C-alpha cells in the first residue's frame, strides 16, 4: 500500500464571511494571535509526515505564497538588530516542507479545487486539509486519519459530533456500521436541515482520499451556485469502494466564521506567556463595563450590589 506523502490545502475561496477585511487580504492570512491561520494547517501536515504540500489558490492570494517564502530584507534587518527570536519565527515559515501552488481559475467549489491538484497527486493516496478548522491534539489530526488509512486502504473522513440544530452548517454522514474505531459510511448529506440529518456526525475538514476520486470529480455536474461539491464525488466513490468516517481525537476550533475566529484568538492568546495576564485583566474589566441585561432591572430596584453575585 502506498504511503500518504502529499496533501492538498484548498485556499481559493473569497472569504465572504469576513468581508470587508478579506477584500484585499486572503482569509487564510488572518492571524490567530501572531500566526496566520494557514500556517497552523501547514504545520499539522508537516508534523503528520507529509512531504509535499500543494496549496490551491485563487486571485488575490499572492500573500500566501509570500508568507512561505524568504523575505531577505526583513531577515537581514532582524539579524543586524540582534532580534534572533523574531528571526527564527520568520525563518520557520520559509523553511517548511516543499510547498507548491496552483491557481483555481474559477471559483467552482471545493471539489473543483481538489480536482485542480490531480496532476500533482498522480496515482497516490493523499490528504486534504481545509483551513476553516484548526485541530489541537497530541497526535496531529490528519496523522490519525493516515494511520487509519494504512489499516484499511480506503478513504477516511474526519468527523466530530455536532448539535442537532447545527447540522445545516456541515456535510453529515449517514453511518452504516462501526468497525472498531471506524464507521462505514452509507451516504453523505450536504448541509441537511435540522431534523432531517441521518446522524449528528459532521465532516470537519480533514480527509485522506484515494486517487479514484479524481475520475468522479472530473465528470461531476455542477451543483448549487454552480459549484462542484466534494461531497457529491464522495457519494459516487462509495459505489466502488468503502469509505469510512473516523471521529478524531482533539479539540477543533472553527475559524471559518467570525465568532469562532474571535474566540479562538482569545483562547490561544490566553496560553501566551506574555499575553495571558494582561488579557485576563482586560477581559475582567470589560465584563464590568458591559451592562448585563439584569443591571438595568437592579438599578430600578436600587439593588445594583446584587449584580456582583450574578
C-alpha atoms as a PDB file:
ATOM      1  CA  UNK A   1       0.000   0.000   0.000  1.00  0.00           C
ATOM      2  CA  UNK A   2       1.353   3.414  -0.955  1.00  0.00           C
ATOM      3  CA  UNK A   3       2.034   5.828   1.875  1.00  0.00           C
ATOM      4  CA  UNK A   4       0.315   9.184   2.164  1.00  0.00           C
ATOM      5  CA  UNK A   5       3.060  11.710   1.385  1.00  0.00           C
ATOM      6  CA  UNK A   6       1.144  14.535  -0.310  1.00  0.00           C
ATOM      7  CA  UNK A   7      -1.509  16.960   0.894  1.00  0.00           C
ATOM      8  CA  UNK A   8      -3.857  19.448  -0.735  1.00  0.00           C
ATOM      9  CA  UNK A   9      -4.803  22.638   1.107  1.00  0.00           C
ATOM     10  CA  UNK A  10      -7.614  24.475  -0.741  1.00  0.00           C
ATOM     11  CA  UNK A  11      -7.280  28.232  -0.265  1.00  0.00           C
ATOM     12  CA  UNK A  12      -9.077  29.779  -3.221  1.00  0.00           C
ATOM     13  CA  UNK A  13     -12.339  30.925  -1.598  1.00  0.00           C
ATOM     14  CA  UNK A  14     -13.455  34.528  -1.335  1.00  0.00           C
ATOM     15  CA  UNK A  15     -13.768  34.525   2.453  1.00  0.00           C
ATOM     16  CA  UNK A  16     -17.138  36.298   2.223  1.00  0.00           C
ATOM     17  CA  UNK A  17     -17.928  35.808   5.930  1.00  0.00           C
ATOM     18  CA  UNK A  18     -15.016  38.105   6.775  1.00  0.00           C
ATOM     19  CA  UNK A  19     -15.727  40.904   4.303  1.00  0.00           C
ATOM     20  CA  UNK A  20     -14.683  43.660   4.027  1.00  0.00           C
ATOM     21  CA  UNK A  21     -11.457  42.515   5.751  1.00  0.00           C
ATOM     22  CA  UNK A  22     -10.906  39.852   3.085  1.00  0.00           C
ATOM     23  CA  UNK A  23     -11.480  42.171   0.138  1.00  0.00           C
ATOM     24  CA  UNK A  24      -7.709  42.590  -0.266  1.00  0.00           C
ATOM     25  CA  UNK A  25      -6.357  40.033   2.237  1.00  0.00           C
ATOM     26  CA  UNK A  26      -6.727  36.254   1.918  1.00  0.00           C
ATOM     27  CA  UNK A  27      -8.889  34.799   4.668  1.00  0.00           C
ATOM     28  CA  UNK A  28      -6.165  32.214   5.221  1.00  0.00           C
ATOM     29  CA  UNK A  29      -3.759  35.006   6.232  1.00  0.00           C
ATOM     30  CA  UNK A  30      -5.954  36.348   9.029  1.00  0.00           C
ATOM     31  CA  UNK A  31      -3.902  35.803  12.191  1.00  0.00           C
ATOM     32  CA  UNK A  32      -4.585  33.620  15.190  1.00  0.00           C
ATOM     33  CA  UNK A  33      -2.520  35.705  17.647  1.00  0.00           C
ATOM     34  CA  UNK A  34       0.715  36.090  15.626  1.00  0.00           C
ATOM     35  CA  UNK A  35       0.500  33.297  13.063  1.00  0.00           C
ATOM     36  CA  UNK A  36      -1.753  33.242  10.004  1.00  0.00           C
ATOM     37  CA  UNK A  37      -4.428  30.565  10.025  1.00  0.00           C
ATOM     38  CA  UNK A  38      -2.916  28.673   7.111  1.00  0.00           C
ATOM     39  CA  UNK A  39       0.378  28.204   8.960  1.00  0.00           C
ATOM     40  CA  UNK A  40      -1.382  26.123  11.610  1.00  0.00           C
ATOM     41  CA  UNK A  41      -2.739  23.904   8.816  1.00  0.00           C
ATOM     42  CA  UNK A  42       0.642  23.539   7.104  1.00  0.00           C
ATOM     43  CA  UNK A  43       2.324  22.726  10.424  1.00  0.00           C
ATOM     44  CA  UNK A  44      -0.238  19.989  11.109  1.00  0.00           C
ATOM     45  CA  UNK A  45       0.505  18.401   7.736  1.00  0.00           C
ATOM     46  CA  UNK A  46       4.263  18.521   8.294  1.00  0.00           C
ATOM     47  CA  UNK A  47       4.021  17.073  11.792  1.00  0.00           C
ATOM     48  CA  UNK A  48       1.985  14.215  10.295  1.00  0.00           C
ATOM     49  CA  UNK A  49       4.862  13.305   7.981  1.00  0.00           C
ATOM     50  CA  UNK A  50       3.548  14.916   4.795  1.00  0.00           C
ATOM     51  CA  UNK A  51       6.464  15.643   2.444  1.00  0.00           C
ATOM     52  CA  UNK A  52       4.835  17.690  -0.316  1.00  0.00           C
ATOM     53  CA  UNK A  53       2.015  20.201   0.048  1.00  0.00           C
ATOM     54  CA  UNK A  54       0.097  21.874  -2.762  1.00  0.00           C
ATOM     55  CA  UNK A  55      -1.932  24.957  -1.883  1.00  0.00           C
ATOM     56  CA  UNK A  56      -4.746  25.692  -4.315  1.00  0.00           C
ATOM     57  CA  UNK A  57      -5.030  29.462  -4.514  1.00  0.00           C
ATOM     58  CA  UNK A  58      -7.079  31.988  -6.465  1.00  0.00           C
ATOM     59  CA  UNK A  59      -6.917  35.611  -7.485  1.00  0.00           C
ATOM     60  CA  UNK A  60      -5.671  37.907  -4.726  1.00  0.00           C
ATOM     61  CA  UNK A  61      -3.945  35.121  -2.774  1.00  0.00           C
ATOM     62  CA  UNK A  62      -0.335  36.055  -3.521  1.00  0.00           C
ATOM     63  CA  UNK A  63       0.228  36.910   0.160  1.00  0.00           C
ATOM     64  CA  UNK A  64       0.070  33.184   0.972  1.00  0.00           C
ATOM     65  CA  UNK A  65       2.998  32.452  -1.328  1.00  0.00           C
ATOM     66  CA  UNK A  66       4.935  35.414   0.059  1.00  0.00           C
ATOM     67  CA  UNK A  67       4.413  34.218   3.621  1.00  0.00           C
ATOM     68  CA  UNK A  68       6.095  30.873   2.962  1.00  0.00           C
ATOM     69  CA  UNK A  69       8.927  32.469   1.000  1.00  0.00           C
ATOM     70  CA  UNK A  70      12.080  34.233   2.161  1.00  0.00           C
ATOM     71  CA  UNK A  71      11.974  37.993   2.746  1.00  0.00           C
ATOM     72  CA  UNK A  72      15.677  38.774   2.663  1.00  0.00           C
ATOM     73  CA  UNK A  73      15.402  42.450   3.604  1.00  0.00           C
ATOM     74  CA  UNK A  74      13.352  41.656   6.706  1.00  0.00           C
ATOM     75  CA  UNK A  75      15.558  38.729   7.674  1.00  0.00           C
ATOM     76  CA  UNK A  76      18.725  40.821   7.322  1.00  0.00           C
ATOM     77  CA  UNK A  77      17.180  43.658   9.310  1.00  0.00           C
ATOM     78  CA  UNK A  78      16.285  41.328  12.197  1.00  0.00           C
ATOM     79  CA  UNK A  79      19.746  39.770  12.062  1.00  0.00           C
ATOM     80  CA  UNK A  80      21.509  43.159  12.142  1.00  0.00           C
ATOM     81  CA  UNK A  81      19.441  44.243  15.152  1.00  0.00           C
ATOM     82  CA  UNK A  82      20.115  41.023  17.031  1.00  0.00           C
ATOM     83  CA  UNK A  83      16.423  40.054  17.173  1.00  0.00           C
ATOM     84  CA  UNK A  84      17.182  36.356  16.992  1.00  0.00           C
ATOM     85  CA  UNK A  85      13.856  35.186  18.419  1.00  0.00           C
ATOM     86  CA  UNK A  86      11.835  37.032  15.807  1.00  0.00           C
ATOM     87  CA  UNK A  87      14.254  35.998  13.074  1.00  0.00           C
ATOM     88  CA  UNK A  88      13.753  32.315  13.890  1.00  0.00           C
ATOM     89  CA  UNK A  89       9.969  32.753  13.796  1.00  0.00           C
ATOM     90  CA  UNK A  90      10.180  34.415  10.390  1.00  0.00           C
ATOM     91  CA  UNK A  91      12.554  31.779   9.048  1.00  0.00           C
ATOM     92  CA  UNK A  92      10.354  28.938  10.287  1.00  0.00           C
ATOM     93  CA  UNK A  93       7.591  29.707   7.796  1.00  0.00           C
ATOM     94  CA  UNK A  94      10.050  29.776   4.891  1.00  0.00           C
ATOM     95  CA  UNK A  95      11.809  26.528   5.812  1.00  0.00           C
ATOM     96  CA  UNK A  96       8.803  24.256   5.978  1.00  0.00           C
ATOM     97  CA  UNK A  97       8.131  21.256   3.721  1.00  0.00           C
ATOM     98  CA  UNK A  98       8.162  21.600  -0.063  1.00  0.00           C
ATOM     99  CA  UNK A  99       5.153  23.798  -0.773  1.00  0.00           C
ATOM    100  CA  UNK A 100       3.758  24.088  -4.286  1.00  0.00           C
ATOM    101  CA  UNK A 101       0.991  26.264  -5.664  1.00  0.00           C
ATOM    102  CA  UNK A 102      -1.655  26.018  -8.341  1.00  0.00           C
ATOM    103  CA  UNK A 103      -4.390  28.513  -9.137  1.00  0.00           C
ATOM    104  CA  UNK A 104      -8.058  27.630  -9.309  1.00  0.00           C
ATOM    105  CA  UNK A 105      -9.011  29.887 -12.207  1.00  0.00           C
ATOM    106  CA  UNK A 106     -12.737  29.776 -11.499  1.00  0.00           C
ATOM    107  CA  UNK A 107     -14.481  29.786  -8.092  1.00  0.00           C
ATOM    108  CA  UNK A 108     -16.199  26.450  -8.664  1.00  0.00           C
ATOM    109  CA  UNK A 109     -16.168  24.950  -5.199  1.00  0.00           C
ATOM    110  CA  UNK A 110     -14.166  22.599  -3.016  1.00  0.00           C
ATOM    111  CA  UNK A 111     -14.482  19.609  -5.332  1.00  0.00           C
ATOM    112  CA  UNK A 112     -13.091  21.582  -8.245  1.00  0.00           C
ATOM    113  CA  UNK A 113     -10.231  22.924  -6.088  1.00  0.00           C
ATOM    114  CA  UNK A 114      -9.218  19.354  -5.195  1.00  0.00           C
ATOM    115  CA  UNK A 115      -9.508  18.323  -8.861  1.00  0.00           C
ATOM    116  CA  UNK A 116      -7.129  21.147  -9.852  1.00  0.00           C
ATOM    117  CA  UNK A 117      -4.340  19.324  -7.980  1.00  0.00           C
ATOM    118  CA  UNK A 118      -4.843  15.967  -9.745  1.00  0.00           C
ATOM    119  CA  UNK A 119      -1.590  16.079 -11.750  1.00  0.00           C
ATOM    120  CA  UNK A 120       0.392  16.891  -8.616  1.00  0.00           C
ATOM    121  CA  UNK A 121      -1.130  13.918  -6.774  1.00  0.00           C
ATOM    122  CA  UNK A 122      -0.958  11.395  -9.612  1.00  0.00           C
ATOM    123  CA  UNK A 123      -1.960   7.871  -8.590  1.00  0.00           C
ATOM    124  CA  UNK A 124      -1.138   8.235  -4.883  1.00  0.00           C
ATOM    125  CA  UNK A 125      -3.439   8.472  -1.873  1.00  0.00           C
ATOM    126  CA  UNK A 126      -3.443  11.985  -0.436  1.00  0.00           C
ATOM    127  CA  UNK A 127      -4.611  14.165   2.410  1.00  0.00           C
ATOM    128  CA  UNK A 128      -6.911  17.186   2.219  1.00  0.00           C
ATOM    129  CA  UNK A 129      -6.864  19.794   4.987  1.00  0.00           C
ATOM    130  CA  UNK A 130      -9.323  22.693   4.993  1.00  0.00           C
ATOM    131  CA  UNK A 131      -8.315  25.989   6.544  1.00  0.00           C
ATOM    132  CA  UNK A 132     -11.602  26.636   8.354  1.00  0.00           C
ATOM    133  CA  UNK A 133     -10.677  24.159  11.083  1.00  0.00           C
ATOM    134  CA  UNK A 134      -7.694  24.182  13.425  1.00  0.00           C
ATOM    135  CA  UNK A 135      -7.339  20.990  15.451  1.00  0.00           C
ATOM    136  CA  UNK A 136      -5.195  20.707  18.559  1.00  0.00           C
ATOM    137  CA  UNK A 137      -4.312  17.145  19.510  1.00  0.00           C
ATOM    138  CA  UNK A 138      -1.437  15.054  20.832  1.00  0.00           C
ATOM    139  CA  UNK A 139      -1.259  13.207  17.510  1.00  0.00           C
ATOM    140  CA  UNK A 140      -1.860  15.564  14.567  1.00  0.00           C
ATOM    141  CA  UNK A 141      -5.428  15.191  13.349  1.00  0.00           C
ATOM    142  CA  UNK A 142      -4.505  14.272   9.777  1.00  0.00           C
ATOM    143  CA  UNK A 143      -1.949  11.758  11.095  1.00  0.00           C
ATOM    144  CA  UNK A 144      -4.760   9.985  12.940  1.00  0.00           C
ATOM    145  CA  UNK A 145      -6.616   9.607   9.638  1.00  0.00           C
ATOM    146  CA  UNK A 146      -3.461   8.488   7.826  1.00  0.00           C
ATOM    147  CA  UNK A 147      -2.884   5.784  10.447  1.00  0.00           C
ATOM    148  CA  UNK A 148      -6.436   4.509   9.903  1.00  0.00           C
ATOM    149  CA  UNK A 149      -5.960   4.579   6.142  1.00  0.00           C
ATOM    150  CA  UNK A 150      -2.857   2.406   6.421  1.00  0.00           C
ATOM    151  CA  UNK A 151      -5.025  -0.241   8.070  1.00  0.00           C
ATOM    152  CA  UNK A 152      -7.923  -0.368   5.602  1.00  0.00           C
ATOM    153  CA  UNK A 153      -6.621   1.201   2.364  1.00  0.00           C
ATOM    154  CA  UNK A 154      -9.870   3.118   1.812  1.00  0.00           C
ATOM    155  CA  UNK A 155     -10.778   6.773   2.005  1.00  0.00           C
ATOM    156  CA  UNK A 156     -11.181   8.178   5.520  1.00  0.00           C
ATOM    157  CA  UNK A 157     -13.164  11.274   6.506  1.00  0.00           C
ATOM    158  CA  UNK A 158     -12.612  13.071   9.816  1.00  0.00           C
ATOM    159  CA  UNK A 159     -15.816  13.718  11.760  1.00  0.00           C
ATOM    160  CA  UNK A 160     -16.999  15.178  15.053  1.00  0.00           C
ATOM    161  CA  UNK A 161     -20.490  15.200  16.626  1.00  0.00           C
ATOM    162  CA  UNK A 162     -22.422  18.473  16.463  1.00  0.00           C
ATOM    163  CA  UNK A 163     -25.688  19.669  17.966  1.00  0.00           C
ATOM    164  CA  UNK A 164     -28.781  18.611  16.019  1.00  0.00           C
ATOM    165  CA  UNK A 165     -29.587  22.284  15.440  1.00  0.00           C
ATOM    166  CA  UNK A 166     -26.200  22.789  13.707  1.00  0.00           C
ATOM    167  CA  UNK A 167     -26.371  20.080  11.035  1.00  0.00           C
ATOM    168  CA  UNK A 168     -27.344  22.615   8.351  1.00  0.00           C
ATOM    169  CA  UNK A 169     -23.795  24.027   8.511  1.00  0.00           C
ATOM    170  CA  UNK A 170     -21.970  20.792   7.650  1.00  0.00           C
ATOM    171  CA  UNK A 171     -21.781  17.738   5.494  1.00  0.00           C
ATOM    172  CA  UNK A 172     -23.282  14.916   7.580  1.00  0.00           C
ATOM    173  CA  UNK A 173     -22.544  11.205   7.251  1.00  0.00           C
ATOM    174  CA  UNK A 174     -25.198   8.506   7.107  1.00  0.00           C
ATOM    175  CA  UNK A 175     -23.491   5.681   9.037  1.00  0.00           C
ATOM    176  CA  UNK A 176     -23.826   2.037   8.123  1.00  0.00           C
ATOM    177  CA  UNK A 177     -21.964   0.176  10.871  1.00  0.00           C
ATOM    178  CA  UNK A 178     -18.999   0.579  13.190  1.00  0.00           C
ATOM    179  CA  UNK A 179     -15.826  -1.395  12.608  1.00  0.00           C
ATOM    180  CA  UNK A 180     -13.520  -0.887  15.592  1.00  0.00           C
ATOM    181  CA  UNK A 181     -12.775   2.866  15.597  1.00  0.00           C
ATOM    182  CA  UNK A 182     -14.051   3.360  12.057  1.00  0.00           C
ATOM    183  CA  UNK A 183     -17.614   3.975  10.928  1.00  0.00           C
ATOM    184  CA  UNK A 184     -18.525   2.660   7.499  1.00  0.00           C
ATOM    185  CA  UNK A 185     -20.408   5.334   5.564  1.00  0.00           C
ATOM    186  CA  UNK A 186     -23.619   4.528   3.695  1.00  0.00           C
ATOM    187  CA  UNK A 187     -24.192   8.035   2.354  1.00  0.00           C
ATOM    188  CA  UNK A 188     -23.212  11.677   2.796  1.00  0.00           C
ATOM    189  CA  UNK A 189     -25.706  14.534   3.021  1.00  0.00           C
ATOM    190  CA  UNK A 190     -24.626  18.108   2.344  1.00  0.00           C
ATOM    191  CA  UNK A 191     -25.986  20.544   4.964  1.00  0.00           C
ATOM    192  CA  UNK A 192     -29.262  18.824   5.908  1.00  0.00           C
ATOM    193  CA  UNK A 193     -31.911  20.821   7.716  1.00  0.00           C
ATOM    194  CA  UNK A 194     -32.265  20.149  11.454  1.00  0.00           C
ATOM    195  CA  UNK A 195     -34.473  17.130  11.951  1.00  0.00           C
ATOM    196  CA  UNK A 196     -33.577  15.689   8.542  1.00  0.00           C
ATOM    197  CA  UNK A 197     -29.980  14.655   9.256  1.00  0.00           C
ATOM    198  CA  UNK A 198     -29.227  10.903   9.345  1.00  0.00           C
ATOM    199  CA  UNK A 199     -26.778  11.433  12.237  1.00  0.00           C
ATOM    200  CA  UNK A 200     -25.009  14.203  14.140  1.00  0.00           C
ATOM    201  CA  UNK A 201     -21.547  13.288  12.807  1.00  0.00           C
ATOM    202  CA  UNK A 202     -20.271  16.222  10.803  1.00  0.00           C
ATOM    203  CA  UNK A 203     -17.398  16.307   8.320  1.00  0.00           C
ATOM    204  CA  UNK A 204     -14.688  18.502   9.813  1.00  0.00           C
ATOM    205  CA  UNK A 205     -12.309  19.449   7.026  1.00  0.00           C
ATOM    206  CA  UNK A 206      -9.868  16.514   7.175  1.00  0.00           C
ATOM    207  CA  UNK A 207      -9.768  13.753   4.561  1.00  0.00           C
ATOM    208  CA  UNK A 208      -7.459  11.004   3.340  1.00  0.00           C
ATOM    209  CA  UNK A 209      -8.596  10.047  -0.160  1.00  0.00           C
ATOM    210  CA  UNK A 210      -7.651   7.598  -2.875  1.00  0.00           C
ATOM    211  CA  UNK A 211      -6.894   8.948  -6.372  1.00  0.00           C
ATOM    212  CA  UNK A 212     -10.057   7.358  -7.794  1.00  0.00           C
ATOM    213  CA  UNK A 213     -11.901  10.448  -6.530  1.00  0.00           C
ATOM    214  CA  UNK A 214     -10.497  12.484  -9.426  1.00  0.00           C
ATOM    215  CA  UNK A 215     -12.437  10.477 -12.013  1.00  0.00           C
ATOM    216  CA  UNK A 216     -15.700  11.314 -10.286  1.00  0.00           C
ATOM    217  CA  UNK A 217     -14.758  14.971  -9.805  1.00  0.00           C
ATOM    218  CA  UNK A 218     -13.936  15.318 -13.500  1.00  0.00           C
ATOM    219  CA  UNK A 219     -17.340  14.054 -14.642  1.00  0.00           C
ATOM    220  CA  UNK A 220     -19.407  15.657 -11.894  1.00  0.00           C
ATOM    221  CA  UNK A 221     -22.138  18.096 -12.831  1.00  0.00           C
ATOM    222  CA  UNK A 222     -22.185  21.492 -11.200  1.00  0.00           C
ATOM    223  CA  UNK A 223     -24.422  21.720  -8.168  1.00  0.00           C
ATOM    224  CA  UNK A 224     -25.651  24.594  -6.017  1.00  0.00           C
ATOM    225  CA  UNK A 225     -24.249  28.014  -7.039  1.00  0.00           C
ATOM    226  CA  UNK A 226     -22.506  26.395  -9.984  1.00  0.00           C
ATOM    227  CA  UNK A 227     -20.022  24.625  -7.707  1.00  0.00           C
ATOM    228  CA  UNK A 228     -18.590  21.126  -7.838  1.00  0.00           C
ATOM    229  CA  UNK A 229     -19.027  19.592  -4.407  1.00  0.00           C
ATOM    230  CA  UNK A 230     -16.509  17.153  -2.947  1.00  0.00           C
ATOM    231  CA  UNK A 231     -19.358  15.526  -1.013  1.00  0.00           C
ATOM    232  CA  UNK A 232     -21.132  14.634  -4.284  1.00  0.00           C
ATOM    233  CA  UNK A 233     -17.983  12.964  -5.624  1.00  0.00           C
ATOM    234  CA  UNK A 234     -17.562  11.020  -2.377  1.00  0.00           C
ATOM    235  CA  UNK A 235     -21.145   9.746  -2.709  1.00  0.00           C
ATOM    236  CA  UNK A 236     -20.199   8.259  -6.067  1.00  0.00           C
ATOM    237  CA  UNK A 237     -16.888   6.916  -4.774  1.00  0.00           C
ATOM    238  CA  UNK A 238     -18.886   4.816  -2.300  1.00  0.00           C
ATOM    239  CA  UNK A 239     -20.191   2.804  -5.277  1.00  0.00           C
ATOM    240  CA  UNK A 240     -16.725   1.383  -5.978  1.00  0.00           C
ATOM    241  CA  UNK A 241     -15.004   1.350  -2.573  1.00  0.00           C
ATOM    242  CA  UNK A 242     -15.773   1.531   1.122  1.00  0.00           C
ATOM    243  CA  UNK A 243     -15.444   4.966   2.720  1.00  0.00           C
ATOM    244  CA  UNK A 244     -15.046   5.306   6.453  1.00  0.00           C
ATOM    245  CA  UNK A 245     -15.539   8.068   8.995  1.00  0.00           C
ATOM    246  CA  UNK A 246     -13.192   8.481  11.924  1.00  0.00           C
ATOM    247  CA  UNK A 247     -14.050  10.553  14.985  1.00  0.00           C
ATOM    248  CA  UNK A 248     -10.648  12.083  15.553  1.00  0.00           C
ATOM    249  CA  UNK A 249      -9.241  12.962  18.962  1.00  0.00           C
ATOM    250  CA  UNK A 250      -8.510  16.579  19.801  1.00  0.00           C
ATOM    251  CA  UNK A 251     -10.107  19.982  20.110  1.00  0.00           C
ATOM    252  CA  UNK A 252     -11.454  21.521  16.939  1.00  0.00           C
ATOM    253  CA  UNK A 253     -11.585  25.302  16.520  1.00  0.00           C
ATOM    254  CA  UNK A 254     -13.909  26.756  13.907  1.00  0.00           C
ATOM    255  CA  UNK A 255     -12.026  29.724  12.439  1.00  0.00           C
ATOM    256  CA  UNK A 256     -14.159  29.864   9.307  1.00  0.00           C
ATOM    257  CA  UNK A 257     -16.744  32.177  10.850  1.00  0.00           C
ATOM    258  CA  UNK A 258     -16.288  35.386  12.816  1.00  0.00           C
ATOM    259  CA  UNK A 259     -17.378  34.288  16.295  1.00  0.00           C
ATOM    260  CA  UNK A 260     -15.223  31.170  16.215  1.00  0.00           C
ATOM    261  CA  UNK A 261     -12.292  33.163  14.876  1.00  0.00           C
ATOM    262  CA  UNK A 262     -12.564  35.679  17.742  1.00  0.00           C
ATOM    263  CA  UNK A 263     -12.935  33.071  20.478  1.00  0.00           C
ATOM    264  CA  UNK A 264     -10.021  31.048  19.070  1.00  0.00           C
ATOM    265  CA  UNK A 265      -7.836  34.139  19.162  1.00  0.00           C
ATOM    266  CA  UNK A 266      -8.792  34.785  22.786  1.00  0.00           C
ATOM    267  CA  UNK A 267      -8.155  31.188  23.851  1.00  0.00           C
ATOM    268  CA  UNK A 268      -4.799  30.958  22.069  1.00  0.00           C
ATOM    269  CA  UNK A 269      -3.738  34.348  23.449  1.00  0.00           C
ATOM    270  CA  UNK A 270      -4.557  33.191  26.972  1.00  0.00           C
ATOM    271  CA  UNK A 271      -1.888  30.496  26.569  1.00  0.00           C
ATOM    272  CA  UNK A 272       0.730  33.042  25.525  1.00  0.00           C
ATOM    273  CA  UNK A 273       3.069  33.774  28.435  1.00  0.00           C
ATOM    274  CA  UNK A 274       3.373  37.475  27.570  1.00  0.00           C
ATOM    275  CA  UNK A 275      -0.313  37.993  26.844  1.00  0.00           C
ATOM    276  CA  UNK A 276      -2.319  35.886  29.273  1.00  0.00           C
ATOM    277  CA  UNK A 277      -2.176  38.093  32.371  1.00  0.00           C
ATOM    278  CA  UNK A 278      -2.845  41.471  30.688  1.00  0.00           C
ATOM    279  CA  UNK A 279      -5.542  39.888  28.514  1.00  0.00           C
ATOM    280  CA  UNK A 280      -7.264  38.304  31.500  1.00  0.00           C
ATOM    281  CA  UNK A 281      -7.210  41.625  33.354  1.00  0.00           C
ATOM    282  CA  UNK A 282      -8.616  43.400  30.310  1.00  0.00           C
ATOM    283  CA  UNK A 283     -11.435  40.865  29.911  1.00  0.00           C
ATOM    284  CA  UNK A 284     -12.331  41.105  33.601  1.00  0.00           C
ATOM    285  CA  UNK A 285     -12.523  44.885  33.361  1.00  0.00           C
ATOM    286  CA  UNK A 286     -14.518  44.614  30.163  1.00  0.00           C
ATOM    287  CA  UNK A 287     -17.126  42.435  31.832  1.00  0.00           C
ATOM    288  CA  UNK A 288     -17.744  45.133  34.421  1.00  0.00           C
ATOM    289  CA  UNK A 289     -18.036  47.786  31.721  1.00  0.00           C
ATOM    290  CA  UNK A 290     -20.589  45.934  29.628  1.00  0.00           C
ATOM    291  CA  UNK A 291     -24.077  46.324  31.048  1.00  0.00           C
ATOM    292  CA  UNK A 292     -25.576  42.959  31.739  1.00  0.00           C
ATOM    293  CA  UNK A 293     -29.339  42.871  30.949  1.00  0.00           C
ATOM    294  CA  UNK A 294     -30.052  42.380  34.664  1.00  0.00           C
ATOM    295  CA  UNK A 295     -28.184  45.551  35.616  1.00  0.00           C
ATOM    296  CA  UNK A 296     -30.974  47.806  34.397  1.00  0.00           C
ATOM    297  CA  UNK A 297     -33.528  45.919  36.475  1.00  0.00           C
ATOM    298  CA  UNK A 298     -31.313  46.085  39.551  1.00  0.00           C
ATOM    299  CA  UNK A 299     -30.769  49.813  39.041  1.00  0.00           C
ATOM    300  CA  UNK A 300     -34.501  50.382  39.029  1.00  0.00           C
ATOM    301  CA  UNK A 301     -34.864  48.409  42.258  1.00  0.00           C
ATOM    302  CA  UNK A 302     -31.910  50.095  43.897  1.00  0.00           C
ATOM    303  CA  UNK A 303     -30.144  46.744  44.342  1.00  0.00           C
ATOM    304  CA  UNK A 304     -27.198  47.150  41.983  1.00  0.00           C
ATOM    305  CA  UNK A 305     -24.903  45.460  44.535  1.00  0.00           C
ATOM    306  CA  UNK A 306     -26.584  42.137  43.703  1.00  0.00           C
ATOM    307  CA  UNK A 307     -25.046  42.271  40.244  1.00  0.00           C
ATOM    308  CA  UNK A 308     -21.759  41.039  41.689  1.00  0.00           C
ATOM    309  CA  UNK A 309     -23.448  37.751  42.536  1.00  0.00           C
ATOM    310  CA  UNK A 310     -24.799  37.035  39.023  1.00  0.00           C
END
